[in-house]
Amino acid sequence: MVRKSTCVSIAMCVVLCASALVYGPAQAQPRHMEPQSDPAQMVTVLLEAFVVEVDLPALAELGVSPIGQAPHNVSVENLLACLDSGQARILIGAKQAAQSQRESKVRATRTTYVRRDGPPPQRSYTPYESGTALSAHASVLSERSVEITYTLSCSVFAPRSEAEDVPPDTESWNWTGEILLAPGEPVIAAATQDGQRAVFLVLTAHVRAQ
């Protein structure tokens, strides 16, 4: 009987050793891991948009080609020089911040009223709105590249005499596009031009880690 028990014990040891060789030592069950956040989404992108009006004669004085012929096409440095000399002005601007891979929007409006005089004592006021609406989707692709999909709509009142009892003149621009920006470097994203002036859209993206 003792001999039979000894044989059984030896057989069990053989089976256990064989299992260890085939399957290896028992592995600890993996612990539940918390999902990791995408590093690209852990940054904030501040987008700045400025609409700049420049006199064409001022650009000509800087040697800029009116049809953008390289190497004399207009640059941001040219716009800054015209702003410094008083031959350019910022018509309107907008800024907004959002996480990477997220869309953000900002809107600002201004209302002006034109008085309408009827037979005394009748008097009415008609409202007219101008302003800016900016929406953008920013994606940080690398340390040196930010992809921006943007839509900018803006309108401004043209100067007029207070004595004129007519609706105000307004100018409007609508820009939509996609552009790659290097963080902190302003870029001319779009422009319009007539016989005496050009209007530029300048975009800059700033990236900040959260």
Protein backbone atom coordinates (compact mmCIF):
# COMPACT_ATOMS: atom_id res chain seq x y z
CA MET A 1 0.00 0.00 0.00
CA VAL A 2 2.84 2.34 0.93
CA ARG A 3 4.59 1.48 -2.33
CA LYS A 4 1.41 2.29 -4.28
CA SER A 5 1.07 5.72 -2.58
CA THR A 6 4.70 6.47 -3.32
CA CYS A 7 4.17 5.70 -6.99
CA VAL A 8 1.15 7.97 -7.11
CA SER A 9 3.14 10.81 -5.51
CA ILE A 10 5.97 10.35 -7.99
CA ALA A 11 3.49 10.38 -10.89
CA MET A 12 1.92 13.65 -9.64
CA CYS A 13 5.35 15.27 -9.40
CA VAL A 14 6.14 14.23 -12.95
CA VAL A 15 2.86 15.71 -14.21
CA LEU A 16 3.47 19.01 -12.38
CA CYS A 17 7.01 19.26 -13.72
CA ALA A 18 5.82 18.59 -17.24
CA SER A 19 3.12 21.26 -16.92
CA ALA A 20 5.71 23.78 -15.75
CA LEU A 21 7.92 23.03 -18.73
CA VAL A 22 5.05 23.37 -21.21
CA TYR A 23 3.16 26.33 -19.80
CA GLY A 24 5.85 28.05 -17.76
CA PRO A 25 5.38 29.49 -14.28
CA ALA A 26 2.00 30.88 -13.34
CA GLN A 27 1.58 34.42 -14.60
CA ALA A 28 0.09 37.16 -12.46
CA GLN A 29 -3.16 38.51 -13.80
CA PRO A 30 -2.62 41.92 -15.44
CA ARG A 31 -3.98 44.82 -13.45
CA HIS A 32 -6.59 47.07 -14.99
CA MET A 33 -4.82 49.98 -16.70
CA GLU A 34 -6.36 53.42 -16.87
CA PRO A 35 -6.77 54.72 -20.46
CA GLN A 36 -4.00 57.14 -21.38
CA SER A 37 -4.89 60.55 -22.74
CA ASP A 38 -3.64 61.52 -26.18
CA PRO A 39 -0.78 64.02 -25.62
CA ALA A 40 -1.92 65.95 -28.70
CA GLN A 41 -5.21 66.71 -26.95
CA MET A 42 -3.50 68.01 -23.80
CA VAL A 43 -2.52 71.33 -25.35
CA THR A 44 -4.40 74.57 -25.90
CA VAL A 45 -4.21 76.44 -29.20
CA LEU A 46 -4.79 80.20 -29.21
CA LEU A 47 -5.70 81.44 -32.68
CA GLU A 48 -5.35 85.13 -33.51
CA ALA A 49 -6.98 86.61 -36.61
CA PHE A 50 -6.49 90.19 -37.83
CA VAL A 51 -7.92 91.94 -40.86
CA VAL A 52 -5.44 94.58 -42.05
CA GLU A 53 -6.10 97.28 -44.67
CA VAL A 54 -3.03 98.63 -46.49
CA ASP A 55 -2.66 101.39 -49.06
CA LEU A 56 -1.22 100.01 -52.30
CA PRO A 57 1.08 103.03 -52.81
CA ALA A 58 2.64 102.22 -49.42
CA LEU A 59 3.38 98.67 -50.55
CA ALA A 60 4.78 99.99 -53.81
CA GLU A 61 7.21 102.17 -51.84
CA LEU A 62 8.46 98.98 -50.17
CA GLY A 63 9.05 97.37 -53.57
CA VAL A 64 6.14 94.94 -53.26
CA SER A 65 4.66 93.65 -56.50
CA PRO A 66 0.88 94.29 -56.67
CA ILE A 67 0.34 90.89 -58.30
CA GLY A 68 2.51 88.95 -55.87
CA GLN A 69 5.45 88.25 -58.16
CA ALA A 70 8.27 86.52 -56.26
CA PRO A 71 10.55 87.54 -54.68
CA HIS A 72 8.70 90.82 -54.21
CA ASN A 73 5.37 89.45 -53.00
CA VAL A 74 3.94 90.94 -49.82
CA SER A 75 4.98 89.60 -46.41
CA VAL A 76 3.87 90.07 -42.82
CA GLU A 77 6.95 92.24 -42.30
CA ASN A 78 5.68 94.58 -45.06
CA LEU A 79 2.32 94.89 -43.30
CA LEU A 80 4.01 95.69 -39.99
CA ALA A 81 6.13 98.35 -41.68
CA CYS A 82 3.00 99.96 -43.14
CA LEU A 83 1.29 99.86 -39.74
CA ASP A 84 4.30 101.58 -38.17
CA SER A 85 4.24 104.33 -40.82
CA GLY A 86 0.48 104.91 -40.49
CA GLN A 87 -0.24 103.67 -44.03
CA ALA A 88 -2.17 100.65 -42.82
CA ARG A 89 -4.73 99.95 -40.14
CA ILE A 90 -6.29 96.96 -38.40
CA LEU A 91 -9.95 96.87 -39.37
CA ILE A 92 -10.98 94.13 -36.99
CA GLY A 93 -9.53 91.25 -35.02
CA ALA A 94 -10.55 88.15 -33.09
CA LYS A 95 -8.89 85.67 -30.74
CA GLN A 96 -10.03 82.33 -29.41
CA ALA A 97 -8.53 79.39 -27.54
CA ALA A 98 -9.48 75.69 -27.57
CA GLN A 99 -7.99 72.28 -26.95
CA SER A 100 -6.35 70.51 -29.84
CA GLN A 101 -8.82 68.43 -31.88
CA ARG A 102 -11.68 70.63 -30.68
CA GLU A 103 -13.71 73.30 -32.47
CA SER A 104 -14.26 76.72 -30.94
CA LYS A 105 -16.29 79.76 -31.90
CA VAL A 106 -16.36 83.43 -30.97
CA ARG A 107 -18.71 86.18 -32.08
CA ALA A 108 -18.83 89.91 -31.41
CA THR A 109 -21.36 92.37 -32.80
CA ARG A 110 -21.83 96.10 -32.83
CA THR A 111 -25.14 97.81 -33.47
CA THR A 112 -25.60 101.33 -34.78
CA TYR A 113 -28.92 103.13 -35.09
CA VAL A 114 -30.08 105.51 -37.80
CA ARG A 115 -32.77 107.96 -36.78
CA ARG A 116 -35.85 108.30 -38.94
CA ASP A 117 -37.88 111.46 -38.43
CA GLY A 118 -41.53 111.44 -39.42
CA PRO A 119 -44.18 114.09 -38.91
CA PRO A 120 -43.61 115.65 -35.45
CA PRO A 121 -43.37 114.16 -32.91
CA GLN A 122 -42.81 110.82 -34.67
CA ARG A 123 -39.28 109.47 -34.54
CA SER A 124 -37.89 105.96 -35.05
CA TYR A 125 -34.51 104.28 -35.06
CA THR A 126 -33.40 101.50 -37.42
CA PRO A 127 -30.63 99.17 -36.13
CA TYR A 128 -27.74 97.96 -38.29
CA GLU A 129 -25.22 95.38 -37.09
CA SER A 130 -21.55 94.80 -37.83
CA GLY A 131 -19.00 92.57 -36.16
CA THR A 132 -16.96 89.40 -36.34
CA ALA A 133 -17.68 85.68 -36.20
CA LEU A 134 -14.71 83.29 -36.03
CA SER A 135 -14.86 79.49 -35.84
CA ALA A 136 -11.85 77.23 -36.01
CA HIS A 137 -10.74 73.63 -35.53
CA ALA A 138 -7.11 73.24 -34.48
CA SER A 139 -5.00 70.07 -34.63
CA VAL A 140 -1.44 70.00 -33.31
CA LEU A 141 0.48 67.77 -35.71
CA SER A 142 3.96 68.31 -34.28
CA GLU A 143 6.04 70.82 -32.37
CA ARG A 144 6.38 72.87 -35.56
CA SER A 145 3.03 72.35 -37.24
CA VAL A 146 -0.57 73.20 -36.36
CA GLU A 147 -3.41 72.52 -38.80
CA ILE A 148 -6.18 75.12 -38.68
CA THR A 149 -9.57 74.88 -40.37
CA TYR A 150 -11.19 78.30 -40.06
CA THR A 151 -14.16 80.42 -41.07
CA LEU A 152 -14.06 84.18 -40.51
CA SER A 153 -16.93 86.51 -41.31
CA CYS A 154 -16.67 90.20 -40.50
CA SER A 155 -18.22 93.51 -41.43
CA VAL A 156 -17.29 97.09 -40.54
CA PHE A 157 -19.02 100.44 -40.85
CA ALA A 158 -17.60 102.89 -43.34
CA PRO A 159 -17.08 106.45 -42.04
CA ARG A 160 -19.96 108.83 -42.73
CA SER A 161 -21.18 112.23 -41.64
CA GLU A 162 -23.41 112.29 -38.57
CA ALA A 163 -25.70 114.67 -40.42
CA GLU A 164 -26.51 112.10 -43.10
CA ASP A 165 -29.86 110.50 -42.43
CA VAL A 166 -29.12 107.37 -44.48
CA PRO A 167 -28.21 103.77 -43.62
CA PRO A 168 -24.52 103.31 -42.85
CA ASP A 169 -22.23 101.90 -45.48
CA THR A 170 -20.72 98.56 -44.51
CA GLU A 171 -17.95 96.35 -45.86
CA SER A 172 -17.97 92.60 -45.35
CA TRP A 173 -15.52 89.74 -45.81
CA ASN A 174 -16.02 85.99 -45.58
CA TRP A 175 -12.98 83.73 -45.49
CA THR A 176 -12.93 79.94 -45.19
CA GLY A 177 -9.93 77.67 -45.54
CA GLU A 178 -7.37 75.23 -44.14
CA ILE A 179 -3.80 76.18 -43.38
CA LEU A 180 -0.69 74.80 -41.67
CA LEU A 181 0.89 77.24 -39.22
CA ALA A 182 4.16 77.15 -37.32
CA PRO A 183 3.44 78.10 -33.69
CA GLY A 184 4.02 81.79 -33.03
CA GLU A 185 4.65 82.74 -36.68
CA PRO A 186 2.03 85.03 -38.29
CA VAL A 187 1.03 84.17 -41.86
CA ILE A 188 -1.03 85.93 -44.54
CA ALA A 189 -3.89 83.48 -45.06
CA ALA A 190 -6.02 85.44 -47.57
CA ALA A 191 -6.41 88.87 -49.16
CA THR A 192 -8.61 91.02 -51.36
CA GLN A 193 -7.50 94.00 -53.44
CA ASP A 194 -8.97 96.90 -55.38
CA GLY A 195 -7.38 99.83 -57.19
CA GLN A 196 -6.16 101.72 -54.12
CA ARG A 197 -5.84 99.25 -51.27
CA ALA A 198 -5.50 95.62 -50.23
CA VAL A 199 -7.15 93.88 -47.28
CA PHE A 200 -5.26 90.96 -45.68
CA LEU A 201 -6.23 88.23 -43.27
CA VAL A 202 -3.34 87.41 -40.92
CA LEU A 203 -3.46 84.28 -38.75
CA THR A 204 -1.21 83.22 -35.88
CA ALA A 205 -1.41 80.07 -33.72
CA HIS A 206 0.11 79.85 -30.25
CA VAL A 207 0.43 76.43 -28.56
CA ARG A 208 0.48 76.00 -24.80
CA ALA A 209 0.76 72.71 -22.92
CA GLN A 210 -1.81 72.18 -20.19
